[in-house]
Amino acid sequence: MAKYQVYGIGNALVDMEYEVEAIDLGILGIDKGVMTLVDEAQQLAIMAHLKRHRHRRESGGSAANSVIALSQLGGKGFYSCKVADDELGHFYMEDLSKGGVETNHHTEKAQGHTGRCVVLVTPDSDRTMCTFLGVSGALSVQELVEDALLDSQWFYTEGYLVTSDAAREASIAAKRIADGAGVKTAISLSDPNMVKFFKAGLLEMIGSGVDLLFANEFEAMGMAGSDDIQVAVEYLKTISRSFAITRGPQGALIWDGASLIEIPAVAVKAVDTVGAGDMFAGAFLYGLSQGWDHARSGRLASAAAAQLVTKLGPRIPAAETQAILRSFDG
């Protein structure tokens, strides 16, 4: 039996979340509802504009949130990432450990700045992210822990890594190791901008195909080059043996390799959608790692993501995650 249910690789970002008005995005010239890479000076200017706004911070990064969600549900995860030898870097590693996730502590911390993601949440519950990667942009094969990867059921990577040549190559190398050892592979497309500007790189990361792909409907349709969700479904079948397409209040579409399954949304009042897709992926992977079928895993993922969006932040306390699992009837 594998030691880890999921071995993840992704950016190490300290999420700094602010509640703002739509007018703030206009003043700052930021595209709403997507992730935009910025340099440190741009990010500091954004934070200066928001200095009177209260904010909260947590260890983040898309794949990290998913692996932590899996851990909170009772799974065991490992996460490879890169942080700097600064206050945020030490905070990140401590927060990851508190989340029950093992990581590449053996790696020497780099000089420089740990990555930060300024998350702007508007009253419509949408989230807009401005990311300064810092040393995470230099994530490379040096951060891989092959022994942990080989002792895992699943390898999971995030589409955000496509923006860095070194990180993309690390993801491709890890997938090659996983494929060779029979470790199942999964990827999240992460963000519509990743699909819009880096589709070729994502296809490199996917290679000959993955066992599981996560996307929201806009990412899926962007990959297919169509505004028809059915065309997107057929396209994703050509690059992944199974997949989950999240559709917000319309629920999710799951392809299990043989059948297309509709997962209804859980009706809630959304406050903040930050991390909803990450929670969905983490809970879905937890279900599969327990031997559940795709339909049951999808229902748990939908329930967990619905609970998450009723609160601020990319995660909920472990006790709440456990309560969802206990109350889940399958």
Protein backbone atom coordinates (compact mmCIF):
# COMPACT_ATOMS: atom_id res chain seq x y z
CA MET A 1 0.00 0.00 0.00
CA ALA A 2 1.31 3.45 -0.94
CA LYS A 3 2.38 5.75 1.89
CA TYR A 4 0.79 8.80 0.27
CA GLN A 5 -2.55 9.11 -1.47
CA VAL A 6 -1.40 12.18 -3.40
CA TYR A 7 1.99 13.65 -4.27
CA GLY A 8 1.49 17.23 -5.44
CA ILE A 9 3.78 19.78 -7.01
CA GLY A 10 2.94 23.44 -7.36
CA ASN A 11 3.60 27.03 -6.45
CA ALA A 12 4.12 28.00 -2.83
CA LEU A 13 2.22 31.24 -2.40
CA VAL A 14 1.12 33.06 0.71
CA ASP A 15 -2.44 34.13 -0.02
CA MET A 16 -3.26 37.67 1.13
CA GLU A 17 -7.00 38.12 0.78
CA TYR A 18 -8.83 41.45 0.64
CA GLU A 19 -12.53 42.27 0.31
CA VAL A 20 -12.87 45.04 -2.29
CA GLU A 21 -15.38 46.76 -4.53
CA ALA A 22 -15.44 46.34 -8.30
CA ILE A 23 -14.37 49.98 -8.62
CA ASP A 24 -11.05 49.07 -6.97
CA LEU A 25 -10.27 46.68 -9.82
CA GLY A 26 -10.99 49.45 -12.31
CA ILE A 27 -8.74 51.91 -10.50
CA LEU A 28 -5.94 49.34 -10.39
CA GLY A 29 -6.48 48.29 -14.02
CA ILE A 30 -6.87 44.62 -13.11
CA ASP A 31 -8.84 42.11 -15.19
CA LYS A 32 -11.67 40.71 -13.08
CA GLY A 33 -12.09 37.03 -12.27
CA VAL A 34 -8.74 35.68 -13.46
CA MET A 35 -5.18 35.27 -12.25
CA THR A 36 -2.65 37.80 -13.52
CA LEU A 37 1.09 37.51 -12.98
CA VAL A 38 2.64 40.75 -11.71
CA ASP A 39 6.11 41.78 -10.63
CA GLU A 40 6.90 42.71 -7.06
CA ALA A 41 6.62 46.46 -7.67
CA GLN A 42 3.15 46.07 -9.20
CA GLN A 43 1.99 43.89 -6.33
CA LEU A 44 3.34 46.29 -3.71
CA ALA A 45 1.48 49.14 -5.45
CA ILE A 46 -1.74 47.10 -5.25
CA MET A 47 -1.15 46.42 -1.57
CA ALA A 48 -0.44 50.11 -0.94
CA HIS A 49 -3.78 51.00 -2.55
CA LEU A 50 -5.45 48.49 -0.22
CA LYS A 51 -3.53 49.39 2.94
CA ARG A 52 -6.70 50.48 4.74
CA HIS A 53 -8.42 47.19 3.96
CA ARG A 54 -8.12 44.38 6.46
CA HIS A 55 -6.71 41.17 5.09
CA ARG A 56 -5.94 37.62 6.12
CA ARG A 57 -3.11 35.35 5.05
CA GLU A 58 -2.71 31.60 4.63
CA SER A 59 -0.38 29.22 2.87
CA GLY A 60 -1.76 28.78 -0.60
CA GLY A 61 -1.16 27.81 -4.17
CA SER A 62 -3.76 25.79 -6.03
CA ALA A 63 -2.27 22.31 -5.66
CA ALA A 64 -1.28 23.01 -2.05
CA ASN A 65 -4.90 23.81 -1.19
CA SER A 66 -6.01 20.54 -2.79
CA VAL A 67 -3.43 18.43 -0.95
CA ILE A 68 -4.36 20.10 2.34
CA ALA A 69 -8.05 19.38 1.67
CA LEU A 70 -7.20 15.72 1.09
CA SER A 71 -5.23 15.68 4.35
CA GLN A 72 -8.10 17.26 6.29
CA LEU A 73 -10.42 14.52 5.03
CA GLY A 74 -8.07 11.87 6.36
CA GLY A 75 -5.75 11.22 3.43
CA LYS A 76 -1.99 11.58 3.45
CA GLY A 77 -0.34 13.98 1.06
CA PHE A 78 3.13 15.20 0.09
CA TYR A 79 3.77 18.57 -1.54
CA SER A 80 6.90 19.71 -3.39
CA CYS A 81 7.37 23.47 -3.63
CA LYS A 82 9.95 26.24 -3.27
CA VAL A 83 10.03 29.02 -0.66
CA ALA A 84 12.61 31.62 0.31
CA ASP A 85 14.51 31.95 3.57
CA ASP A 86 12.29 34.81 4.70
CA GLU A 87 9.47 35.33 7.18
CA LEU A 88 6.79 34.34 4.68
CA GLY A 89 8.73 31.23 3.70
CA HIS A 90 8.94 30.01 7.28
CA PHE A 91 5.27 30.88 7.79
CA TYR A 92 4.37 28.90 4.68
CA MET A 93 6.20 25.74 5.73
CA GLU A 94 4.78 25.89 9.26
CA ASP A 95 1.24 26.39 7.93
CA LEU A 96 1.65 23.50 5.49
CA SER A 97 2.82 21.26 8.34
CA LYS A 98 -0.15 22.31 10.47
CA GLY A 99 -2.34 21.24 7.55
CA GLY A 100 -0.96 17.71 7.91
CA VAL A 101 1.05 17.76 4.68
CA GLU A 102 4.64 16.54 4.37
CA THR A 103 6.96 18.52 2.13
CA ASN A 104 10.50 18.83 0.83
CA HIS A 105 11.98 20.27 4.05
CA HIS A 106 15.36 18.87 2.97
CA THR A 107 15.59 21.48 0.23
CA GLU A 108 17.76 24.47 1.06
CA LYS A 109 15.61 27.60 1.18
CA ALA A 110 16.55 30.12 -1.48
CA GLN A 111 17.53 33.73 -1.05
CA GLY A 112 14.90 36.16 -2.27
CA HIS A 113 11.19 36.46 -1.62
CA THR A 114 8.54 33.81 -1.07
CA GLY A 115 5.70 34.08 -3.57
CA ARG A 116 2.60 36.06 -2.70
CA CYS A 117 -0.89 36.05 -4.16
CA VAL A 118 -3.08 39.08 -3.53
CA VAL A 119 -6.66 37.81 -3.74
CA LEU A 120 -9.34 40.44 -4.35
CA VAL A 121 -12.86 39.33 -3.49
CA THR A 122 -15.70 41.46 -4.86
CA PRO A 123 -19.29 41.57 -3.51
CA ASP A 124 -20.46 39.11 -6.20
CA SER A 125 -18.19 36.48 -4.54
CA ASP A 126 -15.83 36.46 -7.52
CA ARG A 127 -12.11 36.35 -6.95
CA THR A 128 -9.37 38.13 -8.83
CA MET A 129 -5.74 37.17 -8.19
CA CYS A 130 -2.54 39.13 -8.67
CA THR A 131 0.41 36.82 -8.22
CA PHE A 132 4.07 37.59 -7.64
CA LEU A 133 5.80 34.23 -7.89
CA GLY A 134 9.03 35.21 -6.15
CA VAL A 135 11.35 32.21 -5.80
CA SER A 136 8.46 29.88 -6.66
CA GLY A 137 9.07 30.94 -10.26
CA ALA A 138 12.36 29.02 -9.99
CA LEU A 139 10.69 25.77 -8.87
CA SER A 140 12.61 22.99 -10.61
CA VAL A 141 13.41 19.28 -10.62
CA GLN A 142 15.61 19.93 -7.57
CA GLU A 143 12.45 20.21 -5.46
CA LEU A 144 11.18 16.78 -6.51
CA VAL A 145 11.35 13.97 -3.95
CA GLU A 146 11.34 10.86 -6.09
CA ASP A 147 11.00 8.38 -3.21
CA ALA A 148 7.80 10.10 -2.05
CA LEU A 149 6.42 10.26 -5.59
CA LEU A 150 7.06 6.55 -6.14
CA ASP A 151 5.28 5.78 -2.86
CA SER A 152 2.06 7.58 -3.88
CA GLN A 153 -1.24 6.55 -5.47
CA TRP A 154 -1.60 9.79 -7.42
CA PHE A 155 0.67 12.48 -8.86
CA TYR A 156 -1.12 15.83 -9.06
CA THR A 157 0.10 19.03 -10.69
CA GLU A 158 -1.37 22.48 -11.29
CA GLY A 159 -1.64 24.31 -14.59
CA TYR A 160 -0.14 27.45 -13.06
CA LEU A 161 3.32 25.84 -13.38
CA VAL A 162 3.10 26.30 -17.14
CA THR A 163 4.23 29.95 -16.85
CA SER A 164 7.76 28.98 -15.74
CA ASP A 165 10.04 26.95 -17.99
CA ALA A 166 11.79 25.31 -15.02
CA ALA A 167 8.54 24.53 -13.19
CA ARG A 168 6.90 23.17 -16.33
CA GLU A 169 9.90 20.89 -16.90
CA ALA A 170 9.72 19.74 -13.26
CA SER A 171 6.07 18.83 -13.72
CA ILE A 172 6.83 16.96 -16.95
CA ALA A 173 9.72 15.11 -15.28
CA ALA A 174 7.54 14.13 -12.32
CA LYS A 175 4.81 12.86 -14.65
CA ARG A 176 7.39 10.81 -16.54
CA ILE A 177 8.49 9.18 -13.26
CA ALA A 178 4.86 8.58 -12.26
CA ASP A 179 3.96 7.04 -15.63
CA GLY A 180 6.97 4.74 -15.46
CA ALA A 181 6.06 3.53 -11.98
CA GLY A 182 2.31 3.11 -12.53
CA VAL A 183 1.41 6.07 -10.33
CA LYS A 184 -1.83 7.64 -11.59
CA THR A 185 -1.57 11.18 -12.92
CA ALA A 186 -3.85 14.20 -12.54
CA ILE A 187 -3.71 17.86 -13.56
CA SER A 188 -5.79 20.96 -12.96
CA LEU A 189 -5.96 23.53 -15.77
CA SER A 190 -6.14 26.12 -12.95
CA ASP A 191 -7.27 29.32 -14.68
CA PRO A 192 -8.76 30.55 -17.99
CA ASN A 193 -5.68 32.72 -18.58
CA MET A 194 -3.43 29.65 -18.40
CA VAL A 195 -5.48 28.10 -21.20
CA LYS A 196 -5.70 31.34 -23.19
CA PHE A 197 -1.99 32.14 -23.18
CA PHE A 198 -0.22 28.84 -22.45
CA LYS A 199 -2.26 26.07 -24.10
CA ALA A 200 0.78 24.59 -25.87
CA GLY A 201 2.63 24.36 -22.57
CA LEU A 202 -0.32 22.71 -20.86
CA LEU A 203 -0.42 20.10 -23.61
CA GLU A 204 3.28 19.47 -22.97
CA MET A 205 2.48 18.85 -19.30
CA ILE A 206 -0.38 16.54 -20.24
CA GLY A 207 1.84 14.68 -22.69
CA SER A 208 0.34 11.41 -23.94
CA GLY A 209 -2.59 11.87 -21.56
CA VAL A 210 -3.42 11.92 -17.87
CA ASP A 211 -5.68 9.71 -15.80
CA LEU A 212 -7.69 12.66 -14.45
CA LEU A 213 -8.12 16.29 -15.44
CA PHE A 214 -9.87 19.08 -13.53
CA ALA A 215 -11.21 22.21 -15.25
CA ASN A 216 -13.99 24.71 -14.91
CA GLU A 217 -16.25 25.11 -17.91
CA PHE A 218 -14.41 28.17 -19.25
CA GLU A 219 -11.05 26.39 -19.11
CA ALA A 220 -12.52 23.29 -20.73
CA MET A 221 -14.10 25.26 -23.57
CA GLY A 222 -10.91 27.29 -23.99
CA MET A 223 -8.88 24.11 -24.45
CA ALA A 224 -11.38 22.91 -27.03
CA GLY A 225 -11.51 26.26 -28.81
CA SER A 226 -15.31 26.27 -28.60
CA ASP A 227 -18.08 27.90 -26.59
CA ASP A 228 -20.04 24.63 -26.67
CA ILE A 229 -19.64 22.55 -23.51
CA GLN A 230 -20.40 19.33 -25.39
CA VAL A 231 -17.56 20.02 -27.80
CA ALA A 232 -15.33 20.59 -24.76
CA VAL A 233 -16.41 17.25 -23.27
CA GLU A 234 -15.46 15.42 -26.45
CA TYR A 235 -12.14 17.22 -26.67
CA LEU A 236 -11.13 16.43 -23.09
CA LYS A 237 -11.75 12.75 -23.78
CA THR A 238 -8.81 12.90 -26.20
CA ILE A 239 -6.30 14.09 -23.57
CA SER A 240 -7.54 12.52 -20.32
CA ARG A 241 -8.92 9.14 -19.38
CA SER A 242 -11.35 10.79 -16.95
CA PHE A 243 -12.17 14.36 -16.01
CA ALA A 244 -14.29 16.69 -13.91
CA ILE A 245 -15.69 19.95 -15.28
CA THR A 246 -17.00 22.26 -12.57
CA ARG A 247 -19.84 24.62 -13.54
CA GLY A 248 -20.54 26.65 -10.41
CA PRO A 249 -24.28 26.69 -9.60
CA GLN A 250 -24.88 24.24 -12.45
CA GLY A 251 -22.91 21.53 -10.65
CA ALA A 252 -20.29 19.42 -12.39
CA LEU A 253 -19.85 17.03 -15.29
CA ILE A 254 -17.79 13.91 -14.61
CA TRP A 255 -16.42 11.56 -17.26
CA ASP A 256 -15.37 8.28 -15.65
CA GLY A 257 -13.97 6.77 -18.83
CA ALA A 258 -17.27 5.19 -19.84
CA SER A 259 -20.15 7.44 -18.80
CA LEU A 260 -20.84 11.16 -18.42
CA ILE A 261 -22.21 11.83 -14.94
CA GLU A 262 -24.03 14.99 -13.89
CA ILE A 263 -23.30 16.06 -10.31
CA PRO A 264 -25.89 18.54 -8.97
CA ALA A 265 -24.69 21.64 -7.17
CA VAL A 266 -25.39 22.04 -3.47
CA ALA A 267 -27.45 25.21 -3.09
CA VAL A 268 -25.69 27.72 -0.82
CA LYS A 269 -25.19 31.47 -0.58
CA ALA A 270 -21.68 32.05 -1.92
CA VAL A 271 -19.51 34.55 -0.09
CA ASP A 272 -16.11 33.84 -1.63
CA THR A 273 -15.24 31.40 -4.42
CA VAL A 274 -11.48 31.43 -3.73
CA GLY A 275 -10.24 27.85 -3.57
CA ALA A 276 -13.53 26.20 -4.59
CA GLY A 277 -11.92 24.33 -7.47
CA ASP A 278 -8.97 23.36 -5.26
CA MET A 279 -11.29 21.95 -2.61
CA PHE A 280 -13.26 20.09 -5.27
CA ALA A 281 -10.07 18.50 -6.62
CA GLY A 282 -8.75 17.56 -3.17
CA ALA A 283 -12.02 15.96 -2.08
CA PHE A 284 -12.42 14.18 -5.42
CA LEU A 285 -8.91 12.72 -5.18
CA TYR A 286 -9.63 11.68 -1.60
CA GLY A 287 -12.71 9.77 -2.74
CA LEU A 288 -10.87 7.98 -5.55
CA SER A 289 -7.99 7.13 -3.20
CA GLN A 290 -10.51 5.40 -0.93
CA GLY A 291 -11.72 3.21 -3.78
CA TRP A 292 -14.91 5.20 -4.41
CA ASP A 293 -16.27 5.52 -7.93
CA HIS A 294 -16.25 8.84 -9.80
CA ALA A 295 -19.90 9.59 -9.05
CA ARG A 296 -19.56 9.25 -5.29
CA SER A 297 -16.26 11.14 -5.31
CA GLY A 298 -17.93 13.92 -7.31
CA ARG A 299 -20.77 14.25 -4.83
CA LEU A 300 -18.34 14.59 -1.93
CA ALA A 301 -16.31 17.12 -3.89
CA SER A 302 -19.44 19.15 -4.65
CA ALA A 303 -20.52 19.14 -1.00
CA ALA A 304 -17.06 20.20 0.20
CA ALA A 305 -16.72 22.98 -2.38
CA ALA A 306 -20.21 24.28 -1.52
CA GLN A 307 -19.29 24.54 2.15
CA LEU A 308 -16.06 26.34 1.29
CA VAL A 309 -17.70 29.14 -0.72
CA THR A 310 -19.93 30.11 2.21
CA LYS A 311 -16.85 31.47 4.02
CA LEU A 312 -13.90 33.72 3.27
CA GLY A 313 -10.62 32.12 2.32
CA PRO A 314 -9.31 29.15 0.30
CA ARG A 315 -9.81 26.60 3.08
CA ILE A 316 -12.07 25.73 5.99
CA PRO A 317 -10.99 24.34 9.37
CA ALA A 318 -10.19 20.63 9.47
CA ALA A 319 -13.05 20.03 11.90
CA GLU A 320 -15.54 21.37 9.34
CA THR A 321 -14.02 19.26 6.57
CA GLN A 322 -14.34 16.18 8.77
CA ALA A 323 -17.95 17.10 9.56
CA ILE A 324 -18.74 17.19 5.82
CA LEU A 325 -17.28 13.70 5.45
CA ARG A 326 -19.20 12.35 8.43
CA SER A 327 -22.50 13.78 7.19
CA PHE A 328 -21.91 12.67 3.62
CA ASP A 329 -24.25 9.82 2.75
CA GLY A 330 -22.59 8.97 -0.55
